[in-house]
Structures are given as structure tokens and as C-alpha cells.
Amino acid sequence: MHGDLQELGRAVKQAQYRQHRALESGLSAIGATLAQWDALRAISRSPGASARELAAATFQTEQAFGTLAGRLVAQGWIERRPGRGRRIEHHLTPSGEQVLQTGHKVADEVLARCYTALSDTDRGTLLILLRRLIADGA
């Protein structure tokens, strides 16, 4: 039993690692990293979000996200604006929106290659199972 569970865990990690490497490679062709594109996606989903909210959405510490956001500002991809109180809000610039959209196209192509061994039905089943695991929170 333990061996099967460990093998399952390792297989999930290997698939994730392969997917991340492929995305990193594809996104580098447009001058972005996976972390940058993920941050742009999070900001697009929640315009005006704080660094704390965006760090949680991108699985980073607040400090790491702050450093990343500083680089995104320097590249002209996001703006930081004062919010209520001490809150700093994050918004995409037109240039950031363009990188995000190009990144979506790259990701679609890369992920199609990553999951080509699975039928549409298998991909749907995998998504359902992974969502069940995430919802369980264990």
C-alpha cells in the first residue's frame, strides 16, 4: 500500500515537473517566466488585489511576490496603485495584458503536447479526480 501511494505521489510530481519545464521553455520564447505569467494571470483574475492576496493565489510568500511584482513593474507589465489605507493594488498595463494573452496561446500549445497521451475523456477524468483531491484539502 505505501509503495503504491508513494509511486502515485511521485508520478503526480513528475507530471507537474515536466509540465512546468515545458511551460517555462515555451514562455521564455516570449520573454516571460512561468512565475511572471502566473502572476499576470492572478492579477487579471483579481484586478486591484493586494500582494498578500496575489501571493496566496500564486503559491508564493508575500516577500517573494513583492520581489516578483517589482520586476513586473520594471518591465512595464503591471502598475501598483495606492488603495484604501496602506493597501497597494496591482493592475495589468496594456503591455502586461498583451504578454498575458500571448502566454495563454503558448500555454495552450504546450499543455496540449503535455497531455497528448490522454484522450479527452481521460483528461476530463483526471481533472475531476484532481479537483476532488484539492477540495478534500487533506
C-alpha atoms as a PDB file:
ATOM      1  CA  MET A   1       0.000   0.000   0.000  1.00  0.00           C
ATOM      2  CA  HIS A   2       2.696   2.524   0.995  1.00  0.00           C
ATOM      3  CA  GLY A   3       4.655   1.813  -2.185  1.00  0.00           C
ATOM      4  CA  ASP A   4       1.602   2.424  -4.377  1.00  0.00           C
ATOM      5  CA  LEU A   5       0.811   5.736  -2.658  1.00  0.00           C
ATOM      6  CA  GLN A   6       4.418   6.857  -2.888  1.00  0.00           C
ATOM      7  CA  GLU A   7       4.525   5.859  -6.542  1.00  0.00           C
ATOM      8  CA  LEU A   8       1.323   7.848  -7.141  1.00  0.00           C
ATOM      9  CA  GLY A   9       2.762  10.893  -5.386  1.00  0.00           C
ATOM     10  CA  ARG A  10       5.972  10.652  -7.367  1.00  0.00           C
ATOM     11  CA  ALA A  11       4.078  10.267 -10.677  1.00  0.00           C
ATOM     12  CA  VAL A  12       1.997  13.386  -9.941  1.00  0.00           C
ATOM     13  CA  LYS A  13       5.177  15.303  -9.092  1.00  0.00           C
ATOM     14  CA  GLN A  14       6.928  14.075 -12.265  1.00  0.00           C
ATOM     15  CA  ALA A  15       3.976  15.143 -14.422  1.00  0.00           C
ATOM     16  CA  GLN A  16       3.934  18.555 -12.727  1.00  0.00           C
ATOM     17  CA  TYR A  17       7.689  18.957 -13.146  1.00  0.00           C
ATOM     18  CA  ARG A  18       7.504  18.047 -16.843  1.00  0.00           C
ATOM     19  CA  GLN A  19       4.615  20.457 -17.366  1.00  0.00           C
ATOM     20  CA  HIS A  20       6.449  23.292 -15.571  1.00  0.00           C
ATOM     21  CA  ARG A  21       9.640  22.740 -17.565  1.00  0.00           C
ATOM     22  CA  ALA A  22       7.687  22.740 -20.837  1.00  0.00           C
ATOM     23  CA  LEU A  23       5.781  25.904 -19.866  1.00  0.00           C
ATOM     24  CA  GLU A  24       8.978  27.630 -18.733  1.00  0.00           C
ATOM     25  CA  SER A  25      10.602  26.821 -22.063  1.00  0.00           C
ATOM     26  CA  GLY A  26       7.610  27.973 -24.109  1.00  0.00           C
ATOM     27  CA  LEU A  27       7.143  31.177 -22.160  1.00  0.00           C
ATOM     28  CA  SER A  28      10.833  32.053 -22.406  1.00  0.00           C
ATOM     29  CA  ALA A  29      10.294  32.424 -26.159  1.00  0.00           C
ATOM     30  CA  ILE A  30       8.026  35.409 -25.423  1.00  0.00           C
ATOM     31  CA  GLY A  31      10.366  36.863 -22.796  1.00  0.00           C
ATOM     32  CA  ALA A  32       8.429  35.711 -19.735  1.00  0.00           C
ATOM     33  CA  THR A  33       8.902  33.155 -16.986  1.00  0.00           C
ATOM     34  CA  LEU A  34       6.245  30.837 -15.622  1.00  0.00           C
ATOM     35  CA  ALA A  35       6.216  32.797 -12.328  1.00  0.00           C
ATOM     36  CA  GLN A  36       5.711  36.082 -14.197  1.00  0.00           C
ATOM     37  CA  TRP A  37       2.928  34.707 -16.379  1.00  0.00           C
ATOM     38  CA  ASP A  38       1.248  33.127 -13.355  1.00  0.00           C
ATOM     39  CA  ALA A  39       1.360  36.492 -11.565  1.00  0.00           C
ATOM     40  CA  LEU A  40      -0.148  38.217 -14.604  1.00  0.00           C
ATOM     41  CA  ARG A  41      -2.936  35.604 -14.641  1.00  0.00           C
ATOM     42  CA  ALA A  42      -3.634  36.168 -10.944  1.00  0.00           C
ATOM     43  CA  ILE A  43      -3.739  39.962 -11.367  1.00  0.00           C
ATOM     44  CA  SER A  44      -6.016  39.583 -14.396  1.00  0.00           C
ATOM     45  CA  ARG A  45      -8.410  37.401 -12.373  1.00  0.00           C
ATOM     46  CA  SER A  46      -8.375  39.843  -9.423  1.00  0.00           C
ATOM     47  CA  PRO A  47      -7.590  43.393 -10.582  1.00  0.00           C
ATOM     48  CA  GLY A  48      -6.736  45.597  -7.608  1.00  0.00           C
ATOM     49  CA  ALA A  49      -5.714  42.665  -5.413  1.00  0.00           C
ATOM     50  CA  SER A  50      -3.113  43.147  -2.690  1.00  0.00           C
ATOM     51  CA  ALA A  51       0.299  41.491  -2.633  1.00  0.00           C
ATOM     52  CA  ARG A  52      -0.932  39.182   0.145  1.00  0.00           C
ATOM     53  CA  GLU A  53      -3.889  38.012  -1.954  1.00  0.00           C
ATOM     54  CA  LEU A  54      -1.748  37.563  -5.058  1.00  0.00           C
ATOM     55  CA  ALA A  55       0.976  35.725  -3.153  1.00  0.00           C
ATOM     56  CA  ALA A  56      -1.609  33.214  -1.935  1.00  0.00           C
ATOM     57  CA  ALA A  57      -3.083  32.860  -5.434  1.00  0.00           C
ATOM     58  CA  THR A  58       0.355  32.132  -6.915  1.00  0.00           C
ATOM     59  CA  PHE A  59       1.626  29.852  -4.102  1.00  0.00           C
ATOM     60  CA  GLN A  60       4.369  32.274  -3.065  1.00  0.00           C
ATOM     61  CA  THR A  61       5.338  34.091   0.089  1.00  0.00           C
ATOM     62  CA  GLU A  62       4.370  37.722   0.308  1.00  0.00           C
ATOM     63  CA  GLN A  63       8.046  38.696   0.174  1.00  0.00           C
ATOM     64  CA  ALA A  64       8.682  36.587  -2.947  1.00  0.00           C
ATOM     65  CA  PHE A  65       5.618  38.021  -4.647  1.00  0.00           C
ATOM     66  CA  GLY A  66       6.715  41.553  -3.749  1.00  0.00           C
ATOM     67  CA  THR A  67      10.078  40.959  -5.428  1.00  0.00           C
ATOM     68  CA  LEU A  68       8.371  39.488  -8.495  1.00  0.00           C
ATOM     69  CA  ALA A  69       5.895  42.382  -8.647  1.00  0.00           C
ATOM     70  CA  GLY A  70       8.811  44.829  -8.565  1.00  0.00           C
ATOM     71  CA  ARG A  71      10.269  43.138 -11.644  1.00  0.00           C
ATOM     72  CA  LEU A  72       6.871  43.211 -13.373  1.00  0.00           C
ATOM     73  CA  VAL A  73       6.598  46.955 -12.677  1.00  0.00           C
ATOM     74  CA  ALA A  74      10.121  47.496 -14.073  1.00  0.00           C
ATOM     75  CA  GLN A  75       9.115  45.610 -17.230  1.00  0.00           C
ATOM     76  CA  GLY A  76       6.035  47.773 -17.589  1.00  0.00           C
ATOM     77  CA  TRP A  77       3.651  44.814 -17.258  1.00  0.00           C
ATOM     78  CA  ILE A  78       1.844  45.883 -14.077  1.00  0.00           C
ATOM     79  CA  GLU A  79       1.133  49.020 -12.076  1.00  0.00           C
ATOM     80  CA  ARG A  80       0.941  49.343  -8.318  1.00  0.00           C
ATOM     81  CA  ARG A  81      -1.579  51.909  -7.116  1.00  0.00           C
ATOM     82  CA  PRO A  82      -2.480  53.126  -3.644  1.00  0.00           C
ATOM     83  CA  GLY A  83      -5.636  51.551  -2.273  1.00  0.00           C
ATOM     84  CA  ARG A  84      -7.544  52.085   0.957  1.00  0.00           C
ATOM     85  CA  GLY A  85      -5.301  52.614   3.957  1.00  0.00           C
ATOM     86  CA  ARG A  86      -1.868  51.098   3.372  1.00  0.00           C
ATOM     87  CA  ARG A  87      -3.145  48.696   0.726  1.00  0.00           C
ATOM     88  CA  ILE A  88      -1.291  48.642  -2.593  1.00  0.00           C
ATOM     89  CA  GLU A  89      -3.394  47.454  -5.527  1.00  0.00           C
ATOM     90  CA  HIS A  90      -1.987  45.619  -8.558  1.00  0.00           C
ATOM     91  CA  HIS A  91      -3.249  46.148 -12.108  1.00  0.00           C
ATOM     92  CA  LEU A  92      -2.139  44.977 -15.546  1.00  0.00           C
ATOM     93  CA  THR A  93      -0.855  47.506 -18.050  1.00  0.00           C
ATOM     94  CA  PRO A  94      -1.729  47.137 -21.749  1.00  0.00           C
ATOM     95  CA  SER A  95       1.738  45.628 -22.245  1.00  0.00           C
ATOM     96  CA  GLY A  96       1.105  43.164 -19.405  1.00  0.00           C
ATOM     97  CA  GLU A  97      -2.254  42.248 -20.925  1.00  0.00           C
ATOM     98  CA  GLN A  98      -0.511  41.533 -24.229  1.00  0.00           C
ATOM     99  CA  VAL A  99       2.093  39.278 -22.539  1.00  0.00           C
ATOM    100  CA  LEU A 100      -0.714  37.505 -20.683  1.00  0.00           C
ATOM    101  CA  GLN A 101      -2.688  36.831 -23.878  1.00  0.00           C
ATOM    102  CA  THR A 102       0.385  35.632 -25.770  1.00  0.00           C
ATOM    103  CA  GLY A 103       1.222  33.449 -22.782  1.00  0.00           C
ATOM    104  CA  HIS A 104      -2.250  31.893 -22.909  1.00  0.00           C
ATOM    105  CA  LYS A 105      -1.609  30.856 -26.514  1.00  0.00           C
ATOM    106  CA  VAL A 106       1.797  29.412 -25.603  1.00  0.00           C
ATOM    107  CA  ALA A 107       0.325  27.562 -22.614  1.00  0.00           C
ATOM    108  CA  ASP A 108      -2.482  26.088 -24.705  1.00  0.00           C
ATOM    109  CA  GLU A 109       0.051  24.693 -27.194  1.00  0.00           C
ATOM    110  CA  VAL A 110       2.429  23.422 -24.506  1.00  0.00           C
ATOM    111  CA  LEU A 111      -0.292  21.805 -22.410  1.00  0.00           C
ATOM    112  CA  ALA A 112      -1.828  20.151 -25.466  1.00  0.00           C
ATOM    113  CA  ARG A 113       1.554  18.470 -26.024  1.00  0.00           C
ATOM    114  CA  CYS A 114       1.901  17.559 -22.330  1.00  0.00           C
ATOM    115  CA  TYR A 115      -1.446  15.756 -22.289  1.00  0.00           C
ATOM    116  CA  THR A 116      -1.438  14.303 -25.807  1.00  0.00           C
ATOM    117  CA  ALA A 117      -1.147  10.749 -24.442  1.00  0.00           C
ATOM    118  CA  LEU A 118      -4.557  11.133 -22.774  1.00  0.00           C
ATOM    119  CA  SER A 119      -7.880  11.078 -24.581  1.00  0.00           C
ATOM    120  CA  ASP A 120     -10.391  13.862 -23.981  1.00  0.00           C
ATOM    121  CA  THR A 121     -12.252  11.507 -21.649  1.00  0.00           C
ATOM    122  CA  ASP A 122      -9.061  10.644 -19.727  1.00  0.00           C
ATOM    123  CA  ARG A 123      -8.186  14.347 -19.355  1.00  0.00           C
ATOM    124  CA  GLY A 124     -11.687  15.063 -18.066  1.00  0.00           C
ATOM    125  CA  THR A 125     -11.451  12.207 -15.584  1.00  0.00           C
ATOM    126  CA  LEU A 126      -8.020  13.359 -14.404  1.00  0.00           C
ATOM    127  CA  LEU A 127      -9.340  16.886 -13.870  1.00  0.00           C
ATOM    128  CA  ILE A 128     -12.299  15.586 -11.859  1.00  0.00           C
ATOM    129  CA  LEU A 129     -10.008  13.451  -9.679  1.00  0.00           C
ATOM    130  CA  LEU A 130      -7.526  16.260  -9.072  1.00  0.00           C
ATOM    131  CA  ARG A 131     -10.330  18.688  -8.184  1.00  0.00           C
ATOM    132  CA  ARG A 132     -11.670  16.120  -5.721  1.00  0.00           C
ATOM    133  CA  LEU A 133      -8.252  15.874  -4.069  1.00  0.00           C
ATOM    134  CA  ILE A 134      -7.916  19.655  -3.898  1.00  0.00           C
ATOM    135  CA  ALA A 135     -11.407  20.075  -2.457  1.00  0.00           C
ATOM    136  CA  ASP A 136     -10.687  17.448   0.196  1.00  0.00           C
ATOM    137  CA  GLY A 137      -7.798  19.564   1.438  1.00  0.00           C
ATOM    138  CA  ALA A 138      -6.052  16.624   3.059  1.00  0.00           C
END
